Amino acid sequence: MEQLFISNNGNSLSSTAPNRIGDTPLGRWLQKFADNGTRSKKVTHDDLIPGSSKHKEQRWKEYQDNGGKMEYSRWSKLYDANMTKPGKSHQAVESYKNKLN
């Protein structure tokens, strides 16, 4: 897709913009992660409740499948800490919002 721009001095400039995200460096990088049918179906975020034992088990498996190098005990502590962060941040935002009202 060709786009025309007008510069500050009034001259026209043309630029060729990509038509699809796959035509950009970011799009090409993202395509490395596209499922081409060789992987098993990943569990989606809607399938498991974050913080549940099944969710933790699935995320540990994904971590290992993606080349994770931590031992389970360390990874587990990080997982548990990360599962509390969203709730704490939402509480902080709500508290601040209530102070403004």
N, C-alpha and C. Protein backbone atom coordinates (compact mmCIF):
# COMPACT_ATOMS: atom_id res chain seq x y z
N MET A 1 0.85 -1.17 0.00
CA MET A 1 0.00 0.00 0.00
C MET A 1 0.90 1.23 0.00
N GLU A 2 0.70 2.10 -0.93
CA GLU A 2 1.50 3.31 -0.98
C GLU A 2 0.72 4.44 -0.35
N GLN A 3 1.41 5.22 0.51
CA GLN A 3 0.80 6.35 1.17
C GLN A 3 1.54 7.61 0.74
N LEU A 4 0.80 8.68 0.61
CA LEU A 4 1.41 9.96 0.27
C LEU A 4 1.38 10.86 1.49
N PHE A 5 2.51 11.53 1.74
CA PHE A 5 2.61 12.47 2.84
C PHE A 5 3.09 13.79 2.27
N ILE A 6 2.72 14.86 2.93
CA ILE A 6 3.18 16.19 2.54
C ILE A 6 4.18 16.65 3.59
N SER A 7 5.38 17.01 3.15
CA SER A 7 6.41 17.46 4.08
C SER A 7 6.13 18.90 4.50
N ASN A 8 6.92 19.40 5.44
CA ASN A 8 6.76 20.77 5.94
C ASN A 8 6.96 21.81 4.85
N ASN A 9 7.78 21.51 3.83
CA ASN A 9 8.02 22.49 2.77
C ASN A 9 7.04 22.34 1.61
N GLY A 10 6.04 21.46 1.74
CA GLY A 10 5.02 21.32 0.72
C GLY A 10 5.28 20.25 -0.31
N ASN A 11 6.44 19.65 -0.30
CA ASN A 11 6.74 18.57 -1.25
C ASN A 11 6.03 17.29 -0.81
N SER A 12 5.61 16.52 -1.79
CA SER A 12 4.97 15.26 -1.44
C SER A 12 6.02 14.17 -1.27
N LEU A 13 5.78 13.32 -0.30
CA LEU A 13 6.65 12.19 -0.02
C LEU A 13 5.80 10.94 -0.11
N SER A 14 6.34 9.88 -0.65
CA SER A 14 5.57 8.63 -0.67
C SER A 14 6.27 7.60 0.19
N SER A 15 5.48 6.71 0.71
CA SER A 15 6.00 5.65 1.56
C SER A 15 5.22 4.38 1.28
N THR A 16 5.91 3.28 1.29
CA THR A 16 5.23 2.01 1.11
C THR A 16 5.06 1.37 2.48
N ALA A 17 3.84 1.19 2.89
CA ALA A 17 3.55 0.59 4.19
C ALA A 17 3.14 -0.86 4.00
N PRO A 18 3.45 -1.72 4.97
CA PRO A 18 3.06 -3.12 4.86
C PRO A 18 1.54 -3.27 4.87
N ASN A 19 1.05 -4.27 4.15
CA ASN A 19 -0.39 -4.53 4.11
C ASN A 19 -0.84 -5.41 5.28
N ARG A 20 0.04 -6.27 5.73
CA ARG A 20 -0.32 -7.19 6.81
C ARG A 20 0.75 -7.14 7.89
N ILE A 21 0.38 -7.51 9.11
CA ILE A 21 1.36 -7.52 10.19
C ILE A 21 2.48 -8.49 9.88
N GLY A 22 2.20 -9.55 9.14
CA GLY A 22 3.24 -10.51 8.78
C GLY A 22 4.32 -9.92 7.89
N ASP A 23 4.06 -8.74 7.32
CA ASP A 23 5.04 -8.07 6.46
C ASP A 23 5.99 -7.19 7.27
N THR A 24 5.79 -7.11 8.57
CA THR A 24 6.64 -6.28 9.42
C THR A 24 7.63 -7.15 10.18
N PRO A 25 8.71 -6.57 10.68
CA PRO A 25 9.65 -7.36 11.49
C PRO A 25 8.96 -8.00 12.71
N LEU A 26 8.08 -7.24 13.36
CA LEU A 26 7.36 -7.81 14.50
C LEU A 26 6.49 -8.99 14.06
N GLY A 27 5.80 -8.85 12.97
CA GLY A 27 4.94 -9.92 12.47
C GLY A 27 5.73 -11.17 12.13
N ARG A 28 6.88 -10.98 11.51
CA ARG A 28 7.72 -12.15 11.19
C ARG A 28 8.21 -12.82 12.46
N TRP A 29 8.52 -12.03 13.48
CA TRP A 29 8.96 -12.59 14.75
C TRP A 29 7.81 -13.36 15.42
N LEU A 30 6.61 -12.81 15.38
CA LEU A 30 5.46 -13.47 15.99
C LEU A 30 5.12 -14.78 15.29
N GLN A 31 5.38 -14.86 14.00
CA GLN A 31 5.06 -16.07 13.25
C GLN A 31 5.86 -17.27 13.73
N LYS A 32 7.00 -17.03 14.40
CA LYS A 32 7.78 -18.14 14.94
C LYS A 32 6.99 -18.90 15.99
N PHE A 33 6.03 -18.22 16.61
CA PHE A 33 5.27 -18.83 17.69
C PHE A 33 3.92 -19.36 17.23
N ALA A 34 3.61 -19.22 15.96
CA ALA A 34 2.33 -19.68 15.43
C ALA A 34 2.27 -21.20 15.49
N ASP A 35 1.11 -21.71 15.80
CA ASP A 35 0.91 -23.16 15.85
C ASP A 35 0.78 -23.68 14.43
N ASN A 36 1.72 -24.49 14.03
CA ASN A 36 1.68 -25.05 12.68
C ASN A 36 1.18 -26.50 12.68
N GLY A 37 0.54 -26.90 13.76
CA GLY A 37 -0.02 -28.25 13.85
C GLY A 37 0.93 -29.27 14.44
N THR A 38 2.15 -28.88 14.75
CA THR A 38 3.10 -29.84 15.29
C THR A 38 3.07 -29.89 16.82
N ARG A 39 2.51 -28.89 17.42
CA ARG A 39 2.43 -28.85 18.88
C ARG A 39 1.10 -29.41 19.36
N SER A 40 1.11 -29.84 20.61
CA SER A 40 -0.16 -30.26 21.20
C SER A 40 -0.93 -29.00 21.57
N LYS A 41 -2.25 -29.12 21.67
CA LYS A 41 -3.09 -27.96 21.99
C LYS A 41 -2.75 -27.46 23.39
N LYS A 42 -2.46 -26.18 23.47
CA LYS A 42 -2.20 -25.59 24.78
C LYS A 42 -3.52 -25.33 25.47
N VAL A 43 -3.48 -25.41 26.77
CA VAL A 43 -4.65 -25.06 27.56
C VAL A 43 -4.79 -23.55 27.50
N THR A 44 -5.98 -23.06 27.25
CA THR A 44 -6.18 -21.61 27.16
C THR A 44 -6.38 -21.03 28.55
N HIS A 45 -6.28 -19.71 28.64
CA HIS A 45 -6.45 -19.04 29.92
C HIS A 45 -7.84 -19.27 30.50
N ASP A 46 -8.83 -19.50 29.65
CA ASP A 46 -10.19 -19.70 30.12
C ASP A 46 -10.43 -21.10 30.67
N ASP A 47 -9.51 -22.02 30.38
CA ASP A 47 -9.72 -23.41 30.79
C ASP A 47 -9.42 -23.66 32.26
N LEU A 48 -8.51 -22.91 32.84
CA LEU A 48 -8.08 -23.15 34.22
C LEU A 48 -8.18 -21.88 35.04
N ILE A 49 -8.41 -22.05 36.33
CA ILE A 49 -8.51 -20.90 37.23
C ILE A 49 -7.10 -20.57 37.72
N PRO A 50 -6.63 -19.34 37.48
CA PRO A 50 -5.30 -18.97 37.94
C PRO A 50 -5.15 -19.19 39.45
N GLY A 51 -4.05 -19.81 39.82
CA GLY A 51 -3.78 -20.11 41.23
C GLY A 51 -4.22 -21.50 41.65
N SER A 52 -5.05 -22.15 40.85
CA SER A 52 -5.49 -23.50 41.20
C SER A 52 -4.34 -24.48 40.97
N SER A 53 -4.43 -25.64 41.59
CA SER A 53 -3.36 -26.63 41.44
C SER A 53 -3.22 -27.09 39.99
N LYS A 54 -4.34 -27.23 39.27
CA LYS A 54 -4.29 -27.63 37.85
C LYS A 54 -3.61 -26.55 37.01
N HIS A 55 -3.91 -25.27 37.30
CA HIS A 55 -3.30 -24.17 36.59
C HIS A 55 -1.79 -24.17 36.81
N LYS A 56 -1.39 -24.34 38.07
CA LYS A 56 0.02 -24.36 38.42
C LYS A 56 0.74 -25.52 37.73
N GLU A 57 0.10 -26.67 37.74
CA GLU A 57 0.66 -27.86 37.09
C GLU A 57 0.86 -27.62 35.59
N GLN A 58 -0.14 -27.03 34.94
CA GLN A 58 -0.06 -26.76 33.51
C GLN A 58 1.04 -25.74 33.20
N ARG A 59 1.14 -24.68 34.01
CA ARG A 59 2.16 -23.66 33.77
C ARG A 59 3.56 -24.22 34.02
N TRP A 60 3.73 -25.12 34.97
CA TRP A 60 5.02 -25.77 35.20
C TRP A 60 5.41 -26.59 33.98
N LYS A 61 4.44 -27.33 33.44
CA LYS A 61 4.69 -28.15 32.26
C LYS A 61 5.10 -27.25 31.08
N GLU A 62 4.39 -26.15 30.87
CA GLU A 62 4.72 -25.22 29.78
C GLU A 62 6.10 -24.60 29.99
N TYR A 63 6.41 -24.29 31.24
CA TYR A 63 7.73 -23.73 31.55
C TYR A 63 8.83 -24.71 31.16
N GLN A 64 8.65 -25.96 31.54
CA GLN A 64 9.64 -26.97 31.20
C GLN A 64 9.72 -27.19 29.69
N ASP A 65 8.57 -27.25 29.02
CA ASP A 65 8.54 -27.45 27.57
C ASP A 65 9.23 -26.32 26.82
N ASN A 66 9.24 -25.13 27.41
CA ASN A 66 9.87 -23.97 26.78
C ASN A 66 11.33 -23.80 27.20
N GLY A 67 11.90 -24.85 27.83
CA GLY A 67 13.32 -24.81 28.16
C GLY A 67 13.66 -24.18 29.49
N GLY A 68 12.67 -24.08 30.41
CA GLY A 68 12.92 -23.50 31.72
C GLY A 68 14.02 -24.23 32.48
N LYS A 69 14.84 -23.48 33.19
CA LYS A 69 16.00 -24.06 33.86
C LYS A 69 15.91 -24.04 35.39
N MET A 70 14.91 -23.38 35.95
CA MET A 70 14.78 -23.33 37.41
C MET A 70 14.33 -24.67 37.96
N GLU A 71 14.72 -24.92 39.20
CA GLU A 71 14.19 -26.08 39.90
C GLU A 71 12.76 -25.76 40.31
N TYR A 72 11.97 -26.82 40.53
CA TYR A 72 10.55 -26.62 40.83
C TYR A 72 10.35 -25.75 42.07
N SER A 73 11.13 -25.96 43.12
CA SER A 73 10.91 -25.20 44.36
C SER A 73 11.02 -23.70 44.13
N ARG A 74 12.03 -23.27 43.37
CA ARG A 74 12.20 -21.85 43.09
C ARG A 74 11.08 -21.35 42.17
N TRP A 75 10.80 -22.11 41.10
CA TRP A 75 9.75 -21.71 40.18
C TRP A 75 8.42 -21.59 40.91
N SER A 76 8.13 -22.54 41.80
CA SER A 76 6.87 -22.57 42.54
C SER A 76 6.71 -21.32 43.40
N LYS A 77 7.78 -20.89 44.06
CA LYS A 77 7.72 -19.68 44.87
C LYS A 77 7.41 -18.46 44.01
N LEU A 78 8.04 -18.38 42.84
CA LEU A 78 7.76 -17.27 41.93
C LEU A 78 6.33 -17.31 41.42
N TYR A 79 5.86 -18.50 41.07
CA TYR A 79 4.48 -18.65 40.59
C TYR A 79 3.51 -18.16 41.67
N ASP A 80 3.70 -18.65 42.91
CA ASP A 80 2.79 -18.27 44.00
C ASP A 80 2.81 -16.76 44.23
N ALA A 81 4.00 -16.17 44.19
CA ALA A 81 4.10 -14.71 44.37
C ALA A 81 3.40 -13.97 43.24
N ASN A 82 3.57 -14.45 42.01
CA ASN A 82 2.94 -13.78 40.86
C ASN A 82 1.43 -13.91 40.86
N MET A 83 0.90 -14.96 41.45
CA MET A 83 -0.55 -15.13 41.49
C MET A 83 -1.22 -14.15 42.44
N THR A 84 -0.47 -13.57 43.38
CA THR A 84 -1.06 -12.59 44.30
C THR A 84 -0.95 -11.16 43.79
N LYS A 85 -0.06 -10.92 42.83
CA LYS A 85 0.19 -9.55 42.36
C LYS A 85 -1.02 -8.86 41.72
N PRO A 86 -1.77 -9.56 40.84
CA PRO A 86 -2.91 -8.85 40.23
C PRO A 86 -3.92 -8.36 41.26
N GLY A 87 -4.22 -9.18 42.24
CA GLY A 87 -5.18 -8.77 43.27
C GLY A 87 -4.69 -7.57 44.06
N LYS A 88 -3.41 -7.58 44.40
CA LYS A 88 -2.84 -6.47 45.16
C LYS A 88 -2.83 -5.19 44.33
N SER A 89 -2.51 -5.29 43.06
CA SER A 89 -2.47 -4.08 42.23
C SER A 89 -3.87 -3.52 42.02
N HIS A 90 -4.87 -4.39 41.87
CA HIS A 90 -6.24 -3.91 41.70
C HIS A 90 -6.72 -3.23 42.98
N GLN A 91 -6.33 -3.78 44.13
CA GLN A 91 -6.70 -3.16 45.40
C GLN A 91 -6.08 -1.78 45.53
N ALA A 92 -4.83 -1.65 45.13
CA ALA A 92 -4.15 -0.36 45.21
C ALA A 92 -4.82 0.67 44.29
N VAL A 93 -5.20 0.25 43.11
CA VAL A 93 -5.86 1.15 42.16
C VAL A 93 -7.23 1.56 42.71
N GLU A 94 -7.98 0.61 43.24
CA GLU A 94 -9.30 0.93 43.82
C GLU A 94 -9.17 1.87 44.99
N SER A 95 -8.19 1.65 45.84
CA SER A 95 -7.96 2.53 47.00
C SER A 95 -7.65 3.94 46.54
N TYR A 96 -6.77 4.06 45.56
CA TYR A 96 -6.42 5.39 45.03
C TYR A 96 -7.63 6.06 44.39
N LYS A 97 -8.41 5.28 43.63
CA LYS A 97 -9.60 5.82 42.98
C LYS A 97 -10.59 6.34 44.01
N ASN A 98 -10.75 5.57 45.11
CA ASN A 98 -11.69 6.00 46.16
C ASN A 98 -11.23 7.28 46.86
N LYS A 99 -9.92 7.48 46.97
CA LYS A 99 -9.40 8.71 47.57
C LYS A 99 -9.70 9.91 46.70
N LEU A 100 -9.73 9.70 45.38
CA LEU A 100 -10.01 10.80 44.46
C LEU A 100 -11.48 11.23 44.49
N ASN A 101 -12.35 10.31 44.85
CA ASN A 101 -13.80 10.62 44.87
C ASN A 101 -14.21 11.26 46.12
